[in-house]
Amino acid sequence: MFDFKVPLIGFVVIWTLFRGIVYIRKRTFSVKHETIHGLFAFSLAFIYSVTIFPFPFYIYPHLQEEMYAGINLIPLASIRQSLHHFYWLVPLRNIGGNITLFIPFGFFASCYSSILRPKTIVIVGFLLSLCIEIVQLFFIPFRAFDVDDILLNTFGTAIGVLLFRLLDRLMVKTSRAKQSNYSS
């Protein structure tokens, strides 16, 4: 399995340089905005490093036959297969991992809610997942195209959007309660 720390360290260096240039041009700095931008970009870099970069450095001979046989176009087929696997970590990794991977994307993309509606963010999550699956199909021979990954990633994006909206509403209610306590 590829050590994804290398692309993430590269991301941090490139991101720091990019944000430094933005700061020099605009002469404004907001910790809140930089944190949101950074976490959103980090979620994209993490998705990229986990889905595109998990290159195996050694292919076991008995797995060589299975390397190119990974296309699932039947919705829910691999989910059902994972759920019936004898080892409990398989569904947790396949189903839970695909959902969890896109939750931060949905959450931090929602920070741009003045620009993007929740429905649009979920569609962008779907398209991002579709692009990843197409890259895996055509350019990475030992990765599999799976329509269920697209469904689970999109569901993860929707969960992230919902979590943001719930947290946002909770924060609004909390700030209103504080304001009413101060005004009384």
Protein backbone atom coordinates (compact mmCIF):
# COMPACT_ATOMS: atom_id res chain seq x y z
CA MET A 1 0.00 0.00 0.00
CA PHE A 2 1.31 3.44 -0.93
CA ASP A 3 2.23 5.78 1.89
CA PHE A 4 -0.08 8.72 1.26
CA LYS A 5 1.95 11.02 3.53
CA VAL A 6 4.15 11.94 0.57
CA PRO A 7 1.37 13.51 -1.55
CA LEU A 8 -0.10 15.15 1.55
CA ILE A 9 3.23 16.76 2.45
CA GLY A 10 3.48 17.96 -1.15
CA PHE A 11 -0.02 19.35 -0.81
CA VAL A 12 0.89 21.29 2.35
CA VAL A 13 3.92 22.86 0.66
CA ILE A 14 2.00 23.81 -2.50
CA TRP A 15 -1.00 25.05 -0.48
CA THR A 16 1.19 27.22 1.76
CA LEU A 17 2.89 28.77 -1.27
CA PHE A 18 -0.45 29.35 -3.01
CA ARG A 19 -2.07 30.96 0.04
CA GLY A 20 1.07 33.07 0.57
CA ILE A 21 0.73 34.45 -2.96
CA VAL A 22 -2.97 35.14 -2.38
CA TYR A 23 -2.08 36.99 0.84
CA ILE A 24 0.57 39.09 -0.90
CA ARG A 25 -1.92 40.10 -3.62
CA LYS A 26 -4.96 40.77 -1.43
CA ARG A 27 -3.25 41.92 1.79
CA THR A 28 -6.03 40.39 3.86
CA PHE A 29 -5.88 37.45 6.19
CA SER A 30 -8.68 35.72 8.08
CA VAL A 31 -7.91 32.70 10.22
CA LYS A 32 -11.49 31.48 9.78
CA HIS A 33 -11.39 31.70 5.98
CA GLU A 34 -7.90 30.21 5.74
CA THR A 35 -8.96 27.31 7.96
CA ILE A 36 -12.06 26.64 5.85
CA HIS A 37 -10.13 26.90 2.58
CA GLY A 38 -7.34 24.72 3.94
CA LEU A 39 -9.59 22.00 5.28
CA PHE A 40 -11.63 21.92 2.07
CA ALA A 41 -8.47 21.60 -0.04
CA PHE A 42 -7.08 19.03 2.39
CA SER A 43 -10.25 16.93 2.04
CA LEU A 44 -9.80 16.97 -1.75
CA ALA A 45 -6.12 16.06 -1.45
CA PHE A 46 -6.95 13.25 0.96
CA ILE A 47 -9.63 11.85 -1.38
CA TYR A 48 -7.11 12.00 -4.24
CA SER A 49 -4.33 10.33 -2.25
CA VAL A 50 -6.55 7.50 -0.98
CA THR A 51 -8.34 6.74 -4.26
CA ILE A 52 -5.69 7.37 -6.90
CA PHE A 53 -2.42 6.73 -5.03
CA PRO A 54 -2.82 3.40 -3.20
CA PHE A 55 -0.32 1.76 -5.52
CA PRO A 56 0.77 -1.71 -4.44
CA PHE A 57 4.52 -2.10 -4.60
CA TYR A 58 4.27 -5.86 -4.96
CA ILE A 59 1.58 -7.78 -6.83
CA TYR A 60 1.12 -11.24 -5.40
CA PRO A 61 1.10 -13.87 -8.17
CA HIS A 62 -2.22 -15.37 -7.04
CA LEU A 63 -3.86 -11.92 -7.29
CA GLN A 64 -2.54 -11.13 -10.75
CA GLU A 65 -5.62 -12.64 -12.42
CA GLU A 66 -7.96 -10.44 -10.38
CA MET A 67 -6.06 -7.25 -11.11
CA TYR A 68 -7.95 -6.35 -14.27
CA ALA A 69 -11.33 -7.86 -13.44
CA GLY A 70 -12.78 -4.98 -11.45
CA ILE A 71 -15.84 -3.46 -13.05
CA ASN A 72 -19.20 -3.34 -11.30
CA LEU A 73 -22.02 -1.61 -13.15
CA ILE A 74 -24.86 -3.18 -11.13
CA PRO A 75 -26.05 -0.86 -8.34
CA LEU A 76 -25.83 -2.34 -4.83
CA ALA A 77 -24.10 -5.54 -6.02
CA SER A 78 -20.76 -4.95 -4.31
CA ILE A 79 -22.53 -3.55 -1.22
CA ARG A 80 -24.50 -6.79 -0.91
CA GLN A 81 -21.35 -8.79 -1.52
CA SER A 82 -19.50 -6.85 1.20
CA LEU A 83 -22.33 -7.27 3.69
CA HIS A 84 -22.24 -11.06 3.22
CA HIS A 85 -18.48 -11.31 3.61
CA PHE A 86 -17.35 -13.58 6.44
CA TYR A 87 -14.95 -11.00 7.90
CA TRP A 88 -16.63 -7.98 9.53
CA LEU A 89 -13.90 -5.50 8.53
CA VAL A 90 -14.65 -5.92 4.81
CA PRO A 91 -18.05 -4.15 4.89
CA LEU A 92 -16.72 -1.63 7.40
CA ARG A 93 -13.81 -0.75 5.12
CA ASN A 94 -15.68 -0.86 1.81
CA ILE A 95 -19.00 0.69 2.77
CA GLY A 96 -18.00 2.80 5.77
CA GLY A 97 -14.75 3.91 4.15
CA ASN A 98 -16.44 5.12 0.95
CA ILE A 99 -19.05 7.05 2.91
CA THR A 100 -16.59 8.50 5.43
CA LEU A 101 -14.15 9.56 2.72
CA PHE A 102 -16.57 12.11 1.28
CA ILE A 103 -18.16 13.47 4.49
CA PRO A 104 -15.45 16.14 4.93
CA PHE A 105 -15.87 17.18 1.29
CA GLY A 106 -19.62 17.73 1.76
CA PHE A 107 -19.08 19.52 5.06
CA PHE A 108 -16.37 21.94 3.93
CA ALA A 109 -17.95 22.55 0.52
CA SER A 110 -21.01 23.66 2.48
CA CYS A 111 -18.92 26.44 3.98
CA TYR A 112 -19.33 28.05 0.57
CA SER A 113 -23.10 27.84 1.03
CA SER A 114 -23.61 31.44 -0.07
CA ILE A 115 -22.30 30.30 -3.46
CA LEU A 116 -23.42 26.67 -3.61
CA ARG A 117 -26.78 25.18 -2.68
CA PRO A 118 -26.82 21.83 -0.84
CA LYS A 119 -28.20 20.05 -3.92
CA THR A 120 -25.36 21.48 -6.02
CA ILE A 121 -22.76 20.29 -3.50
CA VAL A 122 -24.17 16.75 -3.59
CA ILE A 123 -24.10 16.83 -7.42
CA VAL A 124 -20.48 18.02 -7.35
CA GLY A 125 -19.67 15.17 -4.93
CA PHE A 126 -21.30 12.73 -7.34
CA LEU A 127 -19.31 14.14 -10.28
CA LEU A 128 -16.05 14.06 -8.31
CA SER A 129 -16.67 10.42 -7.41
CA LEU A 130 -17.56 9.61 -11.02
CA CYS A 131 -14.32 11.21 -12.22
CA ILE A 132 -12.32 9.18 -9.71
CA GLU A 133 -13.98 5.95 -10.85
CA ILE A 134 -13.32 6.78 -14.53
CA VAL A 135 -9.65 7.47 -13.77
CA GLN A 136 -9.47 4.15 -11.92
CA LEU A 137 -11.11 2.36 -14.85
CA PHE A 138 -8.89 3.71 -17.63
CA PHE A 139 -5.60 4.71 -16.03
CA ILE A 140 -4.96 2.56 -12.95
CA PRO A 141 -5.05 -1.14 -13.84
CA PHE A 142 -5.27 -2.58 -10.33
CA ARG A 143 -8.13 -0.31 -9.22
CA ALA A 144 -11.78 -1.13 -9.88
CA PHE A 145 -14.67 0.86 -11.33
CA ASP A 146 -17.61 0.35 -9.02
CA VAL A 147 -20.95 2.11 -9.34
CA ASP A 148 -21.52 1.41 -5.64
CA ASP A 149 -18.49 3.52 -4.76
CA ILE A 150 -20.15 6.42 -6.57
CA LEU A 151 -23.39 5.86 -4.64
CA LEU A 152 -21.60 5.60 -1.28
CA ASN A 153 -19.37 8.62 -1.96
CA THR A 154 -22.42 10.68 -2.95
CA PHE A 155 -24.18 9.55 0.22
CA GLY A 156 -21.11 10.62 2.21
CA THR A 157 -21.22 14.04 0.56
CA ALA A 158 -24.91 14.37 1.49
CA ILE A 159 -24.13 13.41 5.11
CA GLY A 160 -21.41 16.08 5.19
CA VAL A 161 -23.86 18.68 3.88
CA LEU A 162 -26.46 17.65 6.48
CA LEU A 163 -23.91 17.75 9.30
CA PHE A 164 -22.88 21.26 8.27
CA ARG A 165 -26.49 22.44 8.11
CA LEU A 166 -27.25 20.92 11.54
CA LEU A 167 -24.13 22.47 13.07
CA ASP A 168 -24.89 25.81 11.42
CA ARG A 169 -28.45 25.84 12.79
CA LEU A 170 -27.21 24.82 16.23
CA MET A 171 -24.68 27.66 16.21
CA VAL A 172 -27.33 30.16 15.10
CA LYS A 173 -29.66 29.05 17.92
CA THR A 174 -26.81 29.25 20.43
CA SER A 175 -25.81 32.75 19.32
CA ARG A 176 -29.46 33.91 19.43
CA ALA A 177 -29.81 32.52 22.94
CA LYS A 178 -26.64 34.34 24.03
CA GLN A 179 -27.86 37.58 22.46
CA SER A 180 -31.24 37.33 24.19
CA ASN A 181 -29.50 36.67 27.54
CA TYR A 182 -27.30 39.74 27.09
CA SER A 183 -30.20 41.98 26.07
CA SER A 184 -32.40 41.05 29.05
